[in-house]
Amino acid sequence: MSKGQSLQEPFLNALRREHVPVSIYLVNGIKLQGQIE
């Protein structure tokens, strides 16, 4: 497992468990908002 995955998985799991709103910007500038399920 790479270091990136060892940080990414717990972070995303915490966001999912707490139902935290998330914003992601795509490379073309479009903003996606929602919750991780």
PDB file of N, CA and C in Angstrom:
ATOM      1  N   MET A   1       0.850  -1.188   0.000  1.00  0.00           N
ATOM      2  CA  MET A   1       0.000   0.000   0.000  1.00  0.00           C
ATOM      3  C   MET A   1       0.884   1.236   0.000  1.00  0.00           C
ATOM      4  N   SER A   2       0.583   2.173  -0.879  1.00  0.00           N
ATOM      5  CA  SER A   2       1.380   3.394  -0.937  1.00  0.00           C
ATOM      6  C   SER A   2       0.994   4.337   0.191  1.00  0.00           C
ATOM      7  N   LYS A   3       1.879   5.289   0.462  1.00  0.00           N
ATOM      8  CA  LYS A   3       1.617   6.247   1.535  1.00  0.00           C
ATOM      9  C   LYS A   3       0.362   7.070   1.254  1.00  0.00           C
ATOM     10  N   GLY A   4       0.116   7.411  -0.018  1.00  0.00           N
ATOM     11  CA  GLY A   4      -1.072   8.174  -0.380  1.00  0.00           C
ATOM     12  C   GLY A   4      -2.351   7.457   0.008  1.00  0.00           C
ATOM     13  N   GLN A   5      -2.406   6.163  -0.230  1.00  0.00           N
ATOM     14  CA  GLN A   5      -3.594   5.392   0.127  1.00  0.00           C
ATOM     15  C   GLN A   5      -3.736   5.269   1.632  1.00  0.00           C
ATOM     16  N   SER A   6      -2.627   5.172   2.364  1.00  0.00           N
ATOM     17  CA  SER A   6      -2.721   5.010   3.812  1.00  0.00           C
ATOM     18  C   SER A   6      -3.267   6.274   4.471  1.00  0.00           C
ATOM     19  N   LEU A   7      -3.137   7.424   3.820  1.00  0.00           N
ATOM     20  CA  LEU A   7      -3.733   8.666   4.327  1.00  0.00           C
ATOM     21  C   LEU A   7      -5.138   8.872   3.775  1.00  0.00           C
ATOM     22  N   GLN A   8      -5.330   8.491   2.533  1.00  0.00           N
ATOM     23  CA  GLN A   8      -6.594   8.759   1.848  1.00  0.00           C
ATOM     24  C   GLN A   8      -7.750   7.957   2.425  1.00  0.00           C
ATOM     25  N   GLU A   9      -7.565   6.674   2.638  1.00  0.00           N
ATOM     26  CA  GLU A   9      -8.663   5.823   3.097  1.00  0.00           C
ATOM     27  C   GLU A   9      -9.246   6.265   4.440  1.00  0.00           C
ATOM     28  N   PRO A  10      -8.435   6.470   5.481  1.00  0.00           N
ATOM     29  CA  PRO A  10      -9.024   6.912   6.758  1.00  0.00           C
ATOM     30  C   PRO A  10      -9.691   8.280   6.651  1.00  0.00           C
ATOM     31  N   PHE A  11      -9.126   9.170   5.841  1.00  0.00           N
ATOM     32  CA  PHE A  11      -9.698  10.504   5.668  1.00  0.00           C
ATOM     33  C   PHE A  11     -11.075  10.414   5.021  1.00  0.00           C
ATOM     34  N   LEU A  12     -11.175   9.667   3.926  1.00  0.00           N
ATOM     35  CA  LEU A  12     -12.459   9.527   3.241  1.00  0.00           C
ATOM     36  C   LEU A  12     -13.473   8.780   4.102  1.00  0.00           C
ATOM     37  N   ASN A  13     -13.028   7.786   4.849  1.00  0.00           N
ATOM     38  CA  ASN A  13     -13.935   7.059   5.743  1.00  0.00           C
ATOM     39  C   ASN A  13     -14.485   7.969   6.833  1.00  0.00           C
ATOM     40  N   ALA A  14     -13.656   8.855   7.370  1.00  0.00           N
ATOM     41  CA  ALA A  14     -14.119   9.794   8.396  1.00  0.00           C
ATOM     42  C   ALA A  14     -15.145  10.756   7.807  1.00  0.00           C
ATOM     43  N   LEU A  15     -14.897  11.254   6.596  1.00  0.00           N
ATOM     44  CA  LEU A  15     -15.865  12.139   5.940  1.00  0.00           C
ATOM     45  C   LEU A  15     -17.190  11.418   5.707  1.00  0.00           C
ATOM     46  N   ARG A  16     -17.115  10.160   5.320  1.00  0.00           N
ATOM     47  CA  ARG A  16     -18.328   9.377   5.060  1.00  0.00           C
ATOM     48  C   ARG A  16     -19.114   9.144   6.347  1.00  0.00           C
ATOM     49  N   ARG A  17     -18.425   8.746   7.416  1.00  0.00           N
ATOM     50  CA  ARG A  17     -19.099   8.461   8.689  1.00  0.00           C
ATOM     51  C   ARG A  17     -19.767   9.688   9.280  1.00  0.00           C
ATOM     52  N   GLU A  18     -19.119  10.844   9.156  1.00  0.00           N
ATOM     53  CA  GLU A  18     -19.632  12.076   9.761  1.00  0.00           C
ATOM     54  C   GLU A  18     -20.573  12.851   8.838  1.00  0.00           C
ATOM     55  N   HIS A  19     -20.808  12.355   7.624  1.00  0.00           N
ATOM     56  CA  HIS A  19     -21.685  13.020   6.647  1.00  0.00           C
ATOM     57  C   HIS A  19     -21.261  14.467   6.407  1.00  0.00           C
ATOM     58  N   VAL A  20     -19.955  14.660   6.228  1.00  0.00           N
ATOM     59  CA  VAL A  20     -19.396  15.997   6.013  1.00  0.00           C
ATOM     60  C   VAL A  20     -19.613  16.412   4.553  1.00  0.00           C
ATOM     61  N   PRO A  21     -20.131  17.621   4.310  1.00  0.00           N
ATOM     62  CA  PRO A  21     -20.237  18.099   2.924  1.00  0.00           C
ATOM     63  C   PRO A  21     -18.842  18.274   2.315  1.00  0.00           C
ATOM     64  N   VAL A  22     -18.687  17.842   1.065  1.00  0.00           N
ATOM     65  CA  VAL A  22     -17.392  17.867   0.396  1.00  0.00           C
ATOM     66  C   VAL A  22     -17.523  18.630  -0.922  1.00  0.00           C
ATOM     67  N   SER A  23     -16.518  19.446  -1.250  1.00  0.00           N
ATOM     68  CA  SER A  23     -16.446  20.131  -2.544  1.00  0.00           C
ATOM     69  C   SER A  23     -15.184  19.677  -3.258  1.00  0.00           C
ATOM     70  N   ILE A  24     -15.331  19.325  -4.536  1.00  0.00           N
ATOM     71  CA  ILE A  24     -14.206  18.889  -5.358  1.00  0.00           C
ATOM     72  C   ILE A  24     -14.211  19.721  -6.629  1.00  0.00           C
ATOM     73  N   TYR A  25     -13.056  20.257  -6.989  1.00  0.00           N
ATOM     74  CA  TYR A  25     -12.925  21.014  -8.238  1.00  0.00           C
ATOM     75  C   TYR A  25     -12.235  20.143  -9.274  1.00  0.00           C
ATOM     76  N   LEU A  26     -12.880  19.977 -10.427  1.00  0.00           N
ATOM     77  CA  LEU A  26     -12.290  19.227 -11.527  1.00  0.00           C
ATOM     78  C   LEU A  26     -11.270  20.101 -12.254  1.00  0.00           C
ATOM     79  N   VAL A  27     -10.424  19.471 -13.058  1.00  0.00           N
ATOM     80  CA  VAL A  27      -9.372  20.217 -13.750  1.00  0.00           C
ATOM     81  C   VAL A  27      -9.938  21.259 -14.717  1.00  0.00           C
ATOM     82  N   ASN A  28     -11.169  21.068 -15.196  1.00  0.00           N
ATOM     83  CA  ASN A  28     -11.773  22.045 -16.104  1.00  0.00           C
ATOM     84  C   ASN A  28     -12.510  23.154 -15.353  1.00  0.00           C
ATOM     85  N   GLY A  29     -12.411  23.164 -14.019  1.00  0.00           N
ATOM     86  CA  GLY A  29     -12.982  24.238 -13.218  1.00  0.00           C
ATOM     87  C   GLY A  29     -14.359  23.972 -12.658  1.00  0.00           C
ATOM     88  N   ILE A  30     -14.990  22.861 -13.031  1.00  0.00           N
ATOM     89  CA  ILE A  30     -16.324  22.549 -12.520  1.00  0.00           C
ATOM     90  C   ILE A  30     -16.216  22.112 -11.062  1.00  0.00           C
ATOM     91  N   LYS A  31     -17.132  22.638 -10.241  1.00  0.00           N
ATOM     92  CA  LYS A  31     -17.155  22.310  -8.817  1.00  0.00           C
ATOM     93  C   LYS A  31     -18.246  21.279  -8.559  1.00  0.00           C
ATOM     94  N   LEU A  32     -17.877  20.171  -7.933  1.00  0.00           N
ATOM     95  CA  LEU A  32     -18.831  19.150  -7.520  1.00  0.00           C
ATOM     96  C   LEU A  32     -18.977  19.228  -6.013  1.00  0.00           C
ATOM     97  N   GLN A  33     -20.222  19.209  -5.535  1.00  0.00           N
ATOM     98  CA  GLN A  33     -20.480  19.250  -4.104  1.00  0.00           C
ATOM     99  C   GLN A  33     -21.380  18.085  -3.732  1.00  0.00           C
ATOM    100  N   GLY A  34     -21.164  17.545  -2.544  1.00  0.00           N
ATOM    101  CA  GLY A  34     -22.014  16.462  -2.074  1.00  0.00           C
ATOM    102  C   GLY A  34     -21.427  15.817  -0.844  1.00  0.00           C
ATOM    103  N   GLN A  35     -21.940  14.617  -0.556  1.00  0.00           N
ATOM    104  CA  GLN A  35     -21.456  13.834   0.571  1.00  0.00           C
ATOM    105  C   GLN A  35     -20.942  12.506   0.048  1.00  0.00           C
ATOM    106  N   ILE A  36     -19.959  11.962   0.722  1.00  0.00           N
ATOM    107  CA  ILE A  36     -19.399  10.667   0.350  1.00  0.00           C
ATOM    108  C   ILE A  36     -20.254   9.584   0.985  1.00  0.00           C
ATOM    109  N   GLU A  37     -20.677   8.627   0.177  1.00  0.00           N
ATOM    110  CA  GLU A  37     -21.504   7.531   0.692  1.00  0.00           C
ATOM    111  C   GLU A  37     -20.703   6.259   0.775  1.00  0.00           C
TER     112      GLU A  37
END
